[in-house]
PDB file of N, CA and C in Angstrom:
ATOM      1  N   MET A   1     -25.332  -2.474 -14.436  1.00  0.00           N
ATOM      2  CA  MET A   1     -24.554  -1.797 -13.417  1.00  0.00           C
ATOM      3  C   MET A   1     -23.095  -1.722 -13.874  1.00  0.00           C
ATOM      4  N   THR A   2     -22.535  -0.542 -13.814  1.00  0.00           N
ATOM      5  CA  THR A   2     -21.146  -0.301 -14.184  1.00  0.00           C
ATOM      6  C   THR A   2     -20.292  -0.242 -12.933  1.00  0.00           C
ATOM      7  N   ARG A   3     -19.076  -0.751 -13.025  1.00  0.00           N
ATOM      8  CA  ARG A   3     -18.119  -0.696 -11.919  1.00  0.00           C
ATOM      9  C   ARG A   3     -17.129   0.428 -12.216  1.00  0.00           C
ATOM     10  N   VAL A   4     -17.135   1.449 -11.355  1.00  0.00           N
ATOM     11  CA  VAL A   4     -16.320   2.641 -11.586  1.00  0.00           C
ATOM     12  C   VAL A   4     -15.289   2.769 -10.472  1.00  0.00           C
ATOM     13  N   LEU A   5     -14.033   2.794 -10.861  1.00  0.00           N
ATOM     14  CA  LEU A   5     -12.942   2.953  -9.910  1.00  0.00           C
ATOM     15  C   LEU A   5     -12.352   4.349 -10.065  1.00  0.00           C
ATOM     16  N   PHE A   6     -12.298   5.090  -8.959  1.00  0.00           N
ATOM     17  CA  PHE A   6     -11.674   6.404  -8.944  1.00  0.00           C
ATOM     18  C   PHE A   6     -10.252   6.231  -8.404  1.00  0.00           C
ATOM     19  N   ALA A   7      -9.258   6.363  -9.266  1.00  0.00           N
ATOM     20  CA  ALA A   7      -7.840   6.277  -8.874  1.00  0.00           C
ATOM     21  C   ALA A   7      -7.336   7.711  -8.801  1.00  0.00           C
ATOM     22  N   ILE A   8      -7.316   8.248  -7.594  1.00  0.00           N
ATOM     23  CA  ILE A   8      -7.129   9.685  -7.418  1.00  0.00           C
ATOM     24  C   ILE A   8      -5.897   9.993  -6.561  1.00  0.00           C
ATOM     25  N   HIS A   9      -5.205  11.040  -6.953  1.00  0.00           N
ATOM     26  CA  HIS A   9      -4.047  11.590  -6.252  1.00  0.00           C
ATOM     27  C   HIS A   9      -4.413  11.819  -4.779  1.00  0.00           C
ATOM     28  N   PRO A  10      -3.518  11.460  -3.838  1.00  0.00           N
ATOM     29  CA  PRO A  10      -3.865  11.565  -2.422  1.00  0.00           C
ATOM     30  C   PRO A  10      -3.845  12.999  -1.878  1.00  0.00           C
ATOM     31  N   ALA A  11      -4.858  13.741  -2.239  1.00  0.00           N
ATOM     32  CA  ALA A  11      -5.019  15.104  -1.724  1.00  0.00           C
ATOM     33  C   ALA A  11      -6.501  15.457  -1.778  1.00  0.00           C
ATOM     34  N   VAL A  12      -6.976  16.111  -0.746  1.00  0.00           N
ATOM     35  CA  VAL A  12      -8.391  16.475  -0.675  1.00  0.00           C
ATOM     36  C   VAL A  12      -8.795  17.322  -1.880  1.00  0.00           C
ATOM     37  N   GLY A  13      -7.905  18.184  -2.343  1.00  0.00           N
ATOM     38  CA  GLY A  13      -8.202  19.025  -3.495  1.00  0.00           C
ATOM     39  C   GLY A  13      -8.377  18.261  -4.789  1.00  0.00           C
ATOM     40  N   HIS A  14      -7.892  17.035  -4.823  1.00  0.00           N
ATOM     41  CA  HIS A  14      -8.058  16.192  -5.999  1.00  0.00           C
ATOM     42  C   HIS A  14      -9.237  15.234  -5.823  1.00  0.00           C
ATOM     43  N   ILE A  15      -9.414  14.741  -4.609  1.00  0.00           N
ATOM     44  CA  ILE A  15     -10.516  13.819  -4.329  1.00  0.00           C
ATOM     45  C   ILE A  15     -11.848  14.564  -4.278  1.00  0.00           C
ATOM     46  N   GLY A  16     -11.850  15.723  -3.639  1.00  0.00           N
ATOM     47  CA  GLY A  16     -13.079  16.490  -3.438  1.00  0.00           C
ATOM     48  C   GLY A  16     -13.936  16.678  -4.682  1.00  0.00           C
ATOM     49  N   PRO A  17     -13.354  17.095  -5.805  1.00  0.00           N
ATOM     50  CA  PRO A  17     -14.173  17.317  -7.002  1.00  0.00           C
ATOM     51  C   PRO A  17     -14.821  16.052  -7.564  1.00  0.00           C
ATOM     52  N   THR A  18     -14.340  14.887  -7.153  1.00  0.00           N
ATOM     53  CA  THR A  18     -14.908  13.641  -7.671  1.00  0.00           C
ATOM     54  C   THR A  18     -16.015  13.076  -6.791  1.00  0.00           C
ATOM     55  N   ILE A  19     -16.121  13.567  -5.562  1.00  0.00           N
ATOM     56  CA  ILE A  19     -17.062  13.000  -4.588  1.00  0.00           C
ATOM     57  C   ILE A  19     -18.508  13.033  -5.092  1.00  0.00           C
ATOM     58  N   ALA A  20     -18.976  14.169  -5.540  1.00  0.00           N
ATOM     59  CA  ALA A  20     -20.379  14.277  -5.984  1.00  0.00           C
ATOM     60  C   ALA A  20     -20.650  13.362  -7.168  1.00  0.00           C
ATOM     61  N   ILE A  21     -19.690  13.245  -8.057  1.00  0.00           N
ATOM     62  CA  ILE A  21     -19.859  12.344  -9.213  1.00  0.00           C
ATOM     63  C   ILE A  21     -19.976  10.906  -8.742  1.00  0.00           C
ATOM     64  N   ALA A  22     -19.078  10.507  -7.837  1.00  0.00           N
ATOM     65  CA  ALA A  22     -19.104   9.136  -7.316  1.00  0.00           C
ATOM     66  C   ALA A  22     -20.395   8.862  -6.551  1.00  0.00           C
ATOM     67  N   GLN A  23     -20.835   9.822  -5.743  1.00  0.00           N
ATOM     68  CA  GLN A  23     -22.085   9.641  -4.994  1.00  0.00           C
ATOM     69  C   GLN A  23     -23.272   9.494  -5.945  1.00  0.00           C
ATOM     70  N   ARG A  24     -23.304  10.286  -6.983  1.00  0.00           N
ATOM     71  CA  ARG A  24     -24.406  10.211  -7.952  1.00  0.00           C
ATOM     72  C   ARG A  24     -24.415   8.859  -8.646  1.00  0.00           C
ATOM     73  N   LEU A  25     -23.245   8.401  -9.073  1.00  0.00           N
ATOM     74  CA  LEU A  25     -23.156   7.085  -9.717  1.00  0.00           C
ATOM     75  C   LEU A  25     -23.618   5.992  -8.757  1.00  0.00           C
ATOM     76  N   GLN A  26     -23.180   6.077  -7.511  1.00  0.00           N
ATOM     77  CA  GLN A  26     -23.573   5.078  -6.511  1.00  0.00           C
ATOM     78  C   GLN A  26     -25.078   5.102  -6.287  1.00  0.00           C
ATOM     79  N   SER A  27     -25.676   6.295  -6.228  1.00  0.00           N
ATOM     80  CA  SER A  27     -27.123   6.396  -5.998  1.00  0.00           C
ATOM     81  C   SER A  27     -27.921   5.842  -7.176  1.00  0.00           C
ATOM     82  N   GLN A  28     -27.301   5.790  -8.332  1.00  0.00           N
ATOM     83  CA  GLN A  28     -27.950   5.233  -9.515  1.00  0.00           C
ATOM     84  C   GLN A  28     -27.706   3.728  -9.653  1.00  0.00           C
ATOM     85  N   GLY A  29     -27.069   3.136  -8.648  1.00  0.00           N
ATOM     86  CA  GLY A  29     -26.893   1.685  -8.628  1.00  0.00           C
ATOM     87  C   GLY A  29     -25.570   1.178  -9.153  1.00  0.00           C
ATOM     88  N   HIS A  30     -24.678   2.061  -9.508  1.00  0.00           N
ATOM     89  CA  HIS A  30     -23.370   1.631  -9.996  1.00  0.00           C
ATOM     90  C   HIS A  30     -22.459   1.299  -8.817  1.00  0.00           C
ATOM     91  N   ALA A  31     -21.555   0.363  -9.020  1.00  0.00           N
ATOM     92  CA  ALA A  31     -20.552   0.036  -8.007  1.00  0.00           C
ATOM     93  C   ALA A  31     -19.414   1.035  -8.138  1.00  0.00           C
ATOM     94  N   VAL A  32     -19.094   1.701  -7.042  1.00  0.00           N
ATOM     95  CA  VAL A  32     -18.081   2.750  -7.041  1.00  0.00           C
ATOM     96  C   VAL A  32     -17.076   2.453  -5.936  1.00  0.00           C
ATOM     97  N   ALA A  33     -15.799   2.698  -6.214  1.00  0.00           N
ATOM     98  CA  ALA A  33     -14.768   2.559  -5.192  1.00  0.00           C
ATOM     99  C   ALA A  33     -13.624   3.514  -5.516  1.00  0.00           C
ATOM    100  N   TYR A  34     -12.840   3.816  -4.486  1.00  0.00           N
ATOM    101  CA  TYR A  34     -11.673   4.674  -4.640  1.00  0.00           C
ATOM    102  C   TYR A  34     -10.401   3.881  -4.402  1.00  0.00           C
ATOM    103  N   ALA A  35      -9.377   4.188  -5.204  1.00  0.00           N
ATOM    104  CA  ALA A  35      -8.012   3.713  -4.977  1.00  0.00           C
ATOM    105  C   ALA A  35      -7.188   4.968  -4.731  1.00  0.00           C
ATOM    106  N   SER A  36      -6.763   5.146  -3.502  1.00  0.00           N
ATOM    107  CA  SER A  36      -5.956   6.302  -3.135  1.00  0.00           C
ATOM    108  C   SER A  36      -5.161   5.900  -1.897  1.00  0.00           C
ATOM    109  N   HIS A  37      -4.437   6.819  -1.346  1.00  0.00           N
ATOM    110  CA  HIS A  37      -3.662   6.535  -0.138  1.00  0.00           C
ATOM    111  C   HIS A  37      -4.614   6.316   1.038  1.00  0.00           C
ATOM    112  N   PRO A  38      -4.298   5.378   1.931  1.00  0.00           N
ATOM    113  CA  PRO A  38      -5.163   5.130   3.088  1.00  0.00           C
ATOM    114  C   PRO A  38      -5.420   6.370   3.948  1.00  0.00           C
ATOM    115  N   GLU A  39      -4.527   7.336   3.914  1.00  0.00           N
ATOM    116  CA  GLU A  39      -4.723   8.563   4.692  1.00  0.00           C
ATOM    117  C   GLU A  39      -5.945   9.353   4.204  1.00  0.00           C
ATOM    118  N   MET A  40      -6.410   9.069   3.025  1.00  0.00           N
ATOM    119  CA  MET A  40      -7.577   9.750   2.466  1.00  0.00           C
ATOM    120  C   MET A  40      -8.888   9.092   2.886  1.00  0.00           C
ATOM    121  N   SER A  41      -8.799   8.037   3.695  1.00  0.00           N
ATOM    122  CA  SER A  41      -9.994   7.260   4.039  1.00  0.00           C
ATOM    123  C   SER A  41     -11.086   8.088   4.705  1.00  0.00           C
ATOM    124  N   SER A  42     -10.734   8.997   5.611  1.00  0.00           N
ATOM    125  CA  SER A  42     -11.795   9.750   6.296  1.00  0.00           C
ATOM    126  C   SER A  42     -12.567  10.631   5.312  1.00  0.00           C
ATOM    127  N   THR A  43     -11.877  11.255   4.376  1.00  0.00           N
ATOM    128  CA  THR A  43     -12.554  12.092   3.379  1.00  0.00           C
ATOM    129  C   THR A  43     -13.497  11.260   2.513  1.00  0.00           C
ATOM    130  N   ILE A  44     -13.017  10.132   2.060  1.00  0.00           N
ATOM    131  CA  ILE A  44     -13.792   9.285   1.152  1.00  0.00           C
ATOM    132  C   ILE A  44     -14.937   8.588   1.884  1.00  0.00           C
ATOM    133  N   GLU A  45     -14.645   7.989   3.017  1.00  0.00           N
ATOM    134  CA  GLU A  45     -15.667   7.239   3.749  1.00  0.00           C
ATOM    135  C   GLU A  45     -16.710   8.153   4.387  1.00  0.00           C
ATOM    136  N   ARG A  46     -16.319   9.368   4.765  1.00  0.00           N
ATOM    137  CA  ARG A  46     -17.285  10.332   5.302  1.00  0.00           C
ATOM    138  C   ARG A  46     -18.341  10.679   4.242  1.00  0.00           C
ATOM    139  N   ALA A  47     -17.959  10.571   2.983  1.00  0.00           N
ATOM    140  CA  ALA A  47     -18.885  10.843   1.880  1.00  0.00           C
ATOM    141  C   ALA A  47     -19.732   9.607   1.551  1.00  0.00           C
ATOM    142  N   GLY A  48     -19.550   8.531   2.319  1.00  0.00           N
ATOM    143  CA  GLY A  48     -20.332   7.317   2.096  1.00  0.00           C
ATOM    144  C   GLY A  48     -19.823   6.473   0.945  1.00  0.00           C
ATOM    145  N   LEU A  49     -18.553   6.623   0.631  1.00  0.00           N
ATOM    146  CA  LEU A  49     -17.960   5.912  -0.498  1.00  0.00           C
ATOM    147  C   LEU A  49     -16.860   4.983   0.002  1.00  0.00           C
ATOM    148  N   PRO A  50     -16.664   3.849  -0.653  1.00  0.00           N
ATOM    149  CA  PRO A  50     -15.654   2.898  -0.196  1.00  0.00           C
ATOM    150  C   PRO A  50     -14.257   3.210  -0.728  1.00  0.00           C
ATOM    151  N   LEU A  51     -13.270   2.998   0.135  1.00  0.00           N
ATOM    152  CA  LEU A  51     -11.862   3.088  -0.248  1.00  0.00           C
ATOM    153  C   LEU A  51     -11.304   1.679  -0.234  1.00  0.00           C
ATOM    154  N   ILE A  52     -10.687   1.275  -1.313  1.00  0.00           N
ATOM    155  CA  ILE A  52     -10.070  -0.047  -1.368  1.00  0.00           C
ATOM    156  C   ILE A  52      -8.805   0.002  -0.524  1.00  0.00           C
ATOM    157  N   LYS A  53      -8.777  -0.773   0.519  1.00  0.00           N
ATOM    158  CA  LYS A  53      -7.739  -0.671   1.542  1.00  0.00           C
ATOM    159  C   LYS A  53      -6.380  -1.209   1.108  1.00  0.00           C
ATOM    160  N   ASP A  54      -6.334  -2.121   0.157  1.00  0.00           N
ATOM    161  CA  ASP A  54      -5.045  -2.725  -0.174  1.00  0.00           C
ATOM    162  C   ASP A  54      -4.292  -2.000  -1.289  1.00  0.00           C
ATOM    163  N   PHE A  55      -4.749  -0.832  -1.679  1.00  0.00           N
ATOM    164  CA  PHE A  55      -4.006  -0.018  -2.636  1.00  0.00           C
ATOM    165  C   PHE A  55      -3.296   1.074  -1.848  1.00  0.00           C
ATOM    166  N   HIS A  56      -2.014   1.245  -2.109  1.00  0.00           N
ATOM    167  CA  HIS A  56      -1.226   2.183  -1.312  1.00  0.00           C
ATOM    168  C   HIS A  56      -0.230   2.878  -2.228  1.00  0.00           C
ATOM    169  N   TRP A  57      -0.403   4.177  -2.416  1.00  0.00           N
ATOM    170  CA  TRP A  57       0.541   4.966  -3.205  1.00  0.00           C
ATOM    171  C   TRP A  57       0.484   6.404  -2.734  1.00  0.00           C
ATOM    172  N   GLY A  58       1.625   7.053  -2.718  1.00  0.00           N
ATOM    173  CA  GLY A  58       1.656   8.474  -2.421  1.00  0.00           C
ATOM    174  C   GLY A  58       2.289   8.851  -1.100  1.00  0.00           C
ATOM    175  N   ASP A  59       3.036   7.940  -0.466  1.00  0.00           N
ATOM    176  CA  ASP A  59       3.676   8.272   0.811  1.00  0.00           C
ATOM    177  C   ASP A  59       4.541   9.523   0.704  1.00  0.00           C
ATOM    178  N   LEU A  60       5.384   9.573  -0.324  1.00  0.00           N
ATOM    179  CA  LEU A  60       6.286  10.711  -0.470  1.00  0.00           C
ATOM    180  C   LEU A  60       5.519  12.003  -0.750  1.00  0.00           C
ATOM    181  N   ILE A  61       4.460  11.907  -1.529  1.00  0.00           N
ATOM    182  CA  ILE A  61       3.647  13.093  -1.818  1.00  0.00           C
ATOM    183  C   ILE A  61       3.072  13.661  -0.515  1.00  0.00           C
ATOM    184  N   LEU A  62       2.542  12.799   0.323  1.00  0.00           N
ATOM    185  CA  LEU A  62       1.977  13.257   1.596  1.00  0.00           C
ATOM    186  C   LEU A  62       3.049  13.842   2.510  1.00  0.00           C
ATOM    187  N   LYS A  63       4.229  13.216   2.520  1.00  0.00           N
ATOM    188  CA  LYS A  63       5.317  13.722   3.359  1.00  0.00           C
ATOM    189  C   LYS A  63       5.762  15.103   2.885  1.00  0.00           C
ATOM    190  N   VAL A  64       5.933  15.286   1.593  1.00  0.00           N
ATOM    191  CA  VAL A  64       6.369  16.572   1.064  1.00  0.00           C
ATOM    192  C   VAL A  64       5.310  17.640   1.321  1.00  0.00           C
ATOM    193  N   ARG A  65       4.027  17.303   1.130  1.00  0.00           N
ATOM    194  CA  ARG A  65       2.964  18.273   1.409  1.00  0.00           C
ATOM    195  C   ARG A  65       3.004  18.724   2.864  1.00  0.00           C
ATOM    196  N   GLU A  66       3.250  17.790   3.771  1.00  0.00           N
ATOM    197  CA  GLU A  66       3.348  18.130   5.197  1.00  0.00           C
ATOM    198  C   GLU A  66       4.553  19.028   5.453  1.00  0.00           C
ATOM    199  N   GLU A  67       5.672  18.696   4.827  1.00  0.00           N
ATOM    200  CA  GLU A  67       6.876  19.514   4.984  1.00  0.00           C
ATOM    201  C   GLU A  67       6.659  20.931   4.451  1.00  0.00           C
ATOM    202  N   ILE A  68       6.029  21.044   3.312  1.00  0.00           N
ATOM    203  CA  ILE A  68       5.767  22.358   2.734  1.00  0.00           C
ATOM    204  C   ILE A  68       4.862  23.169   3.662  1.00  0.00           C
ATOM    205  N   ALA A  69       3.878  22.493   4.239  1.00  0.00           N
ATOM    206  CA  ALA A  69       2.943  23.185   5.137  1.00  0.00           C
ATOM    207  C   ALA A  69       3.626  23.641   6.426  1.00  0.00           C
ATOM    208  N   THR A  70       4.579  22.867   6.917  1.00  0.00           N
ATOM    209  CA  THR A  70       5.197  23.198   8.199  1.00  0.00           C
ATOM    210  C   THR A  70       6.492  23.992   8.064  1.00  0.00           C
ATOM    211  N   ARG A  71       7.180  23.859   6.907  1.00  0.00           N
ATOM    212  CA  ARG A  71       8.428  24.597   6.703  1.00  0.00           C
ATOM    213  C   ARG A  71       8.494  25.161   5.277  1.00  0.00           C
ATOM    214  N   PRO A  72       7.576  26.056   4.936  1.00  0.00           N
ATOM    215  CA  PRO A  72       7.502  26.548   3.556  1.00  0.00           C
ATOM    216  C   PRO A  72       8.751  27.298   3.097  1.00  0.00           C
ATOM    217  N   ASN A  73       9.406  28.034   3.981  1.00  0.00           N
ATOM    218  CA  ASN A  73      10.593  28.797   3.565  1.00  0.00           C
ATOM    219  C   ASN A  73      11.717  27.885   3.093  1.00  0.00           C
ATOM    220  N   ARG A  74      11.860  26.748   3.733  1.00  0.00           N
ATOM    221  CA  ARG A  74      12.885  25.775   3.331  1.00  0.00           C
ATOM    222  C   ARG A  74      12.629  25.300   1.910  1.00  0.00           C
ATOM    223  N   TRP A  75      11.379  24.987   1.595  1.00  0.00           N
ATOM    224  CA  TRP A  75      11.040  24.475   0.263  1.00  0.00           C
ATOM    225  C   TRP A  75      11.154  25.553  -0.796  1.00  0.00           C
ATOM    226  N   ILE A  76      10.768  26.755  -0.472  1.00  0.00           N
ATOM    227  CA  ILE A  76      10.898  27.859  -1.430  1.00  0.00           C
ATOM    228  C   ILE A  76      12.375  28.076  -1.772  1.00  0.00           C
ATOM    229  N   ALA A  77      13.239  28.047  -0.763  1.00  0.00           N
ATOM    230  CA  ALA A  77      14.675  28.226  -0.996  1.00  0.00           C
ATOM    231  C   ALA A  77      15.232  27.105  -1.858  1.00  0.00           C
ATOM    232  N   LEU A  78      14.841  25.871  -1.595  1.00  0.00           N
ATOM    233  CA  LEU A  78      15.320  24.745  -2.401  1.00  0.00           C
ATOM    234  C   LEU A  78      14.899  24.879  -3.859  1.00  0.00           C
ATOM    235  N   LEU A  79      13.650  25.226  -4.070  1.00  0.00           N
ATOM    236  CA  LEU A  79      13.148  25.342  -5.441  1.00  0.00           C
ATOM    237  C   LEU A  79      13.768  26.524  -6.180  1.00  0.00           C
ATOM    238  N   LYS A  80      13.908  27.652  -5.502  1.00  0.00           N
ATOM    239  CA  LYS A  80      14.519  28.827  -6.141  1.00  0.00           C
ATOM    240  C   LYS A  80      15.988  28.583  -6.454  1.00  0.00           C
ATOM    241  N   GLY A  81      16.640  27.801  -5.620  1.00  0.00           N
ATOM    242  CA  GLY A  81      18.056  27.509  -5.831  1.00  0.00           C
ATOM    243  C   GLY A  81      18.294  26.427  -6.863  1.00  0.00           C
ATOM    244  N   GLY A  82      17.235  25.887  -7.411  1.00  0.00           N
ATOM    245  CA  GLY A  82      17.374  24.848  -8.424  1.00  0.00           C
ATOM    246  C   GLY A  82      17.828  23.510  -7.875  1.00  0.00           C
ATOM    247  N   ARG A  83      17.713  23.324  -6.562  1.00  0.00           N
ATOM    248  CA  ARG A  83      18.180  22.085  -5.946  1.00  0.00           C
ATOM    249  C   ARG A  83      17.067  21.073  -5.725  1.00  0.00           C
ATOM    250  N   GLY A  84      15.906  21.355  -6.220  1.00  0.00           N
ATOM    251  CA  GLY A  84      14.815  20.422  -6.006  1.00  0.00           C
ATOM    252  C   GLY A  84      13.725  20.632  -7.023  1.00  0.00           C
ATOM    253  N   SER A  85      12.892  19.644  -7.144  1.00  0.00           N
ATOM    254  CA  SER A  85      11.777  19.746  -8.066  1.00  0.00           C
ATOM    255  C   SER A  85      10.595  19.011  -7.463  1.00  0.00           C
ATOM    256  N   LEU A  86       9.501  19.703  -7.326  1.00  0.00           N
ATOM    257  CA  LEU A  86       8.302  19.043  -6.813  1.00  0.00           C
ATOM    258  C   LEU A  86       7.783  18.008  -7.798  1.00  0.00           C
ATOM    259  N   THR A  87       8.073  18.192  -9.065  1.00  0.00           N
ATOM    260  CA  THR A  87       7.577  17.266 -10.084  1.00  0.00           C
ATOM    261  C   THR A  87       8.064  15.845  -9.831  1.00  0.00           C
ATOM    262  N   SER A  88       9.297  15.685  -9.411  1.00  0.00           N
ATOM    263  CA  SER A  88       9.863  14.345  -9.242  1.00  0.00           C
ATOM    264  C   SER A  88       9.148  13.527  -8.171  1.00  0.00           C
ATOM    265  N   ILE A  89       8.539  14.167  -7.186  1.00  0.00           N
ATOM    266  CA  ILE A  89       7.877  13.384  -6.133  1.00  0.00           C
ATOM    267  C   ILE A  89       6.671  12.621  -6.667  1.00  0.00           C
ATOM    268  N   TYR A  90       6.072  13.116  -7.737  1.00  0.00           N
ATOM    269  CA  TYR A  90       4.893  12.453  -8.279  1.00  0.00           C
ATOM    270  C   TYR A  90       5.243  11.162  -9.006  1.00  0.00           C
ATOM    271  N   PHE A  91       6.504  11.019  -9.358  1.00  0.00           N
ATOM    272  CA  PHE A  91       6.934   9.823 -10.074  1.00  0.00           C
ATOM    273  C   PHE A  91       7.684   8.850  -9.175  1.00  0.00           C
ATOM    274  N   HIS A  92       7.864   9.210  -7.910  1.00  0.00           N
ATOM    275  CA  HIS A  92       8.561   8.339  -6.967  1.00  0.00           C
ATOM    276  C   HIS A  92       7.767   7.042  -6.784  1.00  0.00           C
ATOM    277  N   ASP A  93       8.433   5.930  -6.955  1.00  0.00           N
ATOM    278  CA  ASP A  93       7.835   4.607  -6.744  1.00  0.00           C
ATOM    279  C   ASP A  93       6.651   4.338  -7.677  1.00  0.00           C
ATOM    280  N   LEU A  94       6.671   4.964  -8.839  1.00  0.00           N
ATOM    281  CA  LEU A  94       5.559   4.845  -9.774  1.00  0.00           C
ATOM    282  C   LEU A  94       5.404   3.425 -10.316  1.00  0.00           C
ATOM    283  N   ASP A  95       6.524   2.737 -10.541  1.00  0.00           N
ATOM    284  CA  ASP A  95       6.433   1.356 -11.043  1.00  0.00           C
ATOM    285  C   ASP A  95       5.618   0.479 -10.100  1.00  0.00           C
ATOM    286  N   ARG A  96       5.914   0.596  -8.804  1.00  0.00           N
ATOM    287  CA  ARG A  96       5.167  -0.198  -7.812  1.00  0.00           C
ATOM    288  C   ARG A  96       3.693   0.210  -7.788  1.00  0.00           C
ATOM    289  N   ALA A  97       3.443   1.500  -7.931  1.00  0.00           N
ATOM    290  CA  ALA A  97       2.064   1.990  -7.929  1.00  0.00           C
ATOM    291  C   ALA A  97       1.283   1.437  -9.116  1.00  0.00           C
ATOM    292  N   VAL A  98       1.898   1.427 -10.279  1.00  0.00           N
ATOM    293  CA  VAL A  98       1.229   0.894 -11.474  1.00  0.00           C
ATOM    294  C   VAL A  98       0.974  -0.598 -11.310  1.00  0.00           C
ATOM    295  N   GLN A  99       1.954  -1.330 -10.809  1.00  0.00           N
ATOM    296  CA  GLN A  99       1.765  -2.762 -10.569  1.00  0.00           C
ATOM    297  C   GLN A  99       0.637  -3.008  -9.577  1.00  0.00           C
ATOM    298  N   SER A 100       0.577  -2.194  -8.552  1.00  0.00           N
ATOM    299  CA  SER A 100      -0.483  -2.318  -7.550  1.00  0.00           C
ATOM    300  C   SER A 100      -1.853  -2.026  -8.167  1.00  0.00           C
ATOM    301  N   LEU A 101      -1.926  -1.020  -9.017  1.00  0.00           N
ATOM    302  CA  LEU A 101      -3.197  -0.683  -9.665  1.00  0.00           C
ATOM    303  C   LEU A 101      -3.628  -1.782 -10.634  1.00  0.00           C
ATOM    304  N   VAL A 102      -2.682  -2.342 -11.385  1.00  0.00           N
ATOM    305  CA  VAL A 102      -3.017  -3.437 -12.302  1.00  0.00           C
ATOM    306  C   VAL A 102      -3.539  -4.638 -11.522  1.00  0.00           C
ATOM    307  N   ALA A 103      -2.886  -4.964 -10.408  1.00  0.00           N
ATOM    308  CA  ALA A 103      -3.356  -6.068  -9.562  1.00  0.00           C
ATOM    309  C   ALA A 103      -4.753  -5.775  -9.034  1.00  0.00           C
ATOM    310  N   LEU A 104      -4.977  -4.543  -8.620  1.00  0.00           N
ATOM    311  CA  LEU A 104      -6.297  -4.143  -8.133  1.00  0.00           C
ATOM    312  C   LEU A 104      -7.350  -4.303  -9.225  1.00  0.00           C
ATOM    313  N   LEU A 105      -7.032  -3.855 -10.423  1.00  0.00           N
ATOM    314  CA  LEU A 105      -7.977  -3.963 -11.541  1.00  0.00           C
ATOM    315  C   LEU A 105      -8.255  -5.417 -11.899  1.00  0.00           C
ATOM    316  N   ASN A 106      -7.261  -6.269 -11.772  1.00  0.00           N
ATOM    317  CA  ASN A 106      -7.466  -7.696 -12.041  1.00  0.00           C
ATOM    318  C   ASN A 106      -8.422  -8.329 -11.038  1.00  0.00           C
ATOM    319  N   GLY A 107      -8.464  -7.790  -9.830  1.00  0.00           N
ATOM    320  CA  GLY A 107      -9.354  -8.328  -8.804  1.00  0.00           C
ATOM    321  C   GLY A 107     -10.688  -7.613  -8.716  1.00  0.00           C
ATOM    322  N   TRP A 108     -10.700  -6.314  -8.933  1.00  0.00           N
ATOM    323  CA  TRP A 108     -11.932  -5.538  -8.764  1.00  0.00           C
ATOM    324  C   TRP A 108     -12.721  -5.433 -10.059  1.00  0.00           C
ATOM    325  N   HIS A 109     -12.098  -5.616 -11.177  1.00  0.00           N
ATOM    326  CA  HIS A 109     -12.755  -5.645 -12.502  1.00  0.00           C
ATOM    327  C   HIS A 109     -13.581  -4.395 -12.799  1.00  0.00           C
ATOM    328  N   ALA A 110     -12.908  -3.255 -12.763  1.00  0.00           N
ATOM    329  CA  ALA A 110     -13.587  -2.003 -13.080  1.00  0.00           C
ATOM    330  C   ALA A 110     -13.922  -1.941 -14.566  1.00  0.00           C
ATOM    331  N   ASP A 111     -15.082  -1.388 -14.869  1.00  0.00           N
ATOM    332  CA  ASP A 111     -15.449  -1.109 -16.261  1.00  0.00           C
ATOM    333  C   ASP A 111     -14.858   0.229 -16.707  1.00  0.00           C
ATOM    334  N   VAL A 112     -14.752   1.150 -15.747  1.00  0.00           N
ATOM    335  CA  VAL A 112     -14.245   2.496 -16.008  1.00  0.00           C
ATOM    336  C   VAL A 112     -13.294   2.889 -14.888  1.00  0.00           C
ATOM    337  N   VAL A 113     -12.182   3.519 -15.243  1.00  0.00           N
ATOM    338  CA  VAL A 113     -11.270   4.079 -14.254  1.00  0.00           C
ATOM    339  C   VAL A 113     -11.257   5.592 -14.455  1.00  0.00           C
ATOM    340  N   VAL A 114     -11.567   6.313 -13.380  1.00  0.00           N
ATOM    341  CA  VAL A 114     -11.570   7.772 -13.418  1.00  0.00           C
ATOM    342  C   VAL A 114     -10.343   8.249 -12.665  1.00  0.00           C
ATOM    343  N   THR A 115      -9.592   9.140 -13.285  1.00  0.00           N
ATOM    344  CA  THR A 115      -8.433   9.727 -12.628  1.00  0.00           C
ATOM    345  C   THR A 115      -8.342  11.192 -13.006  1.00  0.00           C
ATOM    346  N   ASP A 116      -7.528  11.918 -12.287  1.00  0.00           N
ATOM    347  CA  ASP A 116      -7.311  13.305 -12.661  1.00  0.00           C
ATOM    348  C   ASP A 116      -5.899  13.433 -13.223  1.00  0.00           C
ATOM    349  N   ILE A 117      -5.528  14.633 -13.597  1.00  0.00           N
ATOM    350  CA  ILE A 117      -4.243  14.822 -14.253  1.00  0.00           C
ATOM    351  C   ILE A 117      -3.063  14.395 -13.381  1.00  0.00           C
ATOM    352  N   MET A 118      -3.233  14.391 -12.064  1.00  0.00           N
ATOM    353  CA  MET A 118      -2.151  14.005 -11.167  1.00  0.00           C
ATOM    354  C   MET A 118      -2.226  12.546 -10.742  1.00  0.00           C
ATOM    355  N   GLY A 119      -3.204  11.803 -11.196  1.00  0.00           N
ATOM    356  CA  GLY A 119      -3.370  10.421 -10.785  1.00  0.00           C
ATOM    357  C   GLY A 119      -2.577   9.465 -11.638  1.00  0.00           C
ATOM    358  N   TYR A 120      -1.266   9.531 -11.563  1.00  0.00           N
ATOM    359  CA  TYR A 120      -0.412   8.738 -12.446  1.00  0.00           C
ATOM    360  C   TYR A 120      -0.643   7.241 -12.401  1.00  0.00           C
ATOM    361  N   PRO A 121      -0.843   6.628 -11.229  1.00  0.00           N
ATOM    362  CA  PRO A 121      -1.060   5.187 -11.291  1.00  0.00           C
ATOM    363  C   PRO A 121      -2.344   4.890 -12.016  1.00  0.00           C
TER     364      PRO A 121
END
């Protein structure tokens, strides 16, 4: 049995493509878990997969996504004016996120960590 940890960016568009893979691995007897923001719990748990509750990263990413959804013109103006960069939000508090992931790996002992291109921790 392999222990597979999915460390995924806190967005349904990033978690969604991994769900079927995780479910298949779980059905084959592998231990599977997700490390993502707690706000993603309904998406992950609805799929019958566990979310490790003590891993927390991506507060700013979720806040910015909400702001973009509710006030898109403000964000477009900021980006066009060169006064902002969406890229920087992905690196906010990254040191703490990496430390949290290392601590998680020391306790959960994953054999494999699956992440996507945006899953920096």
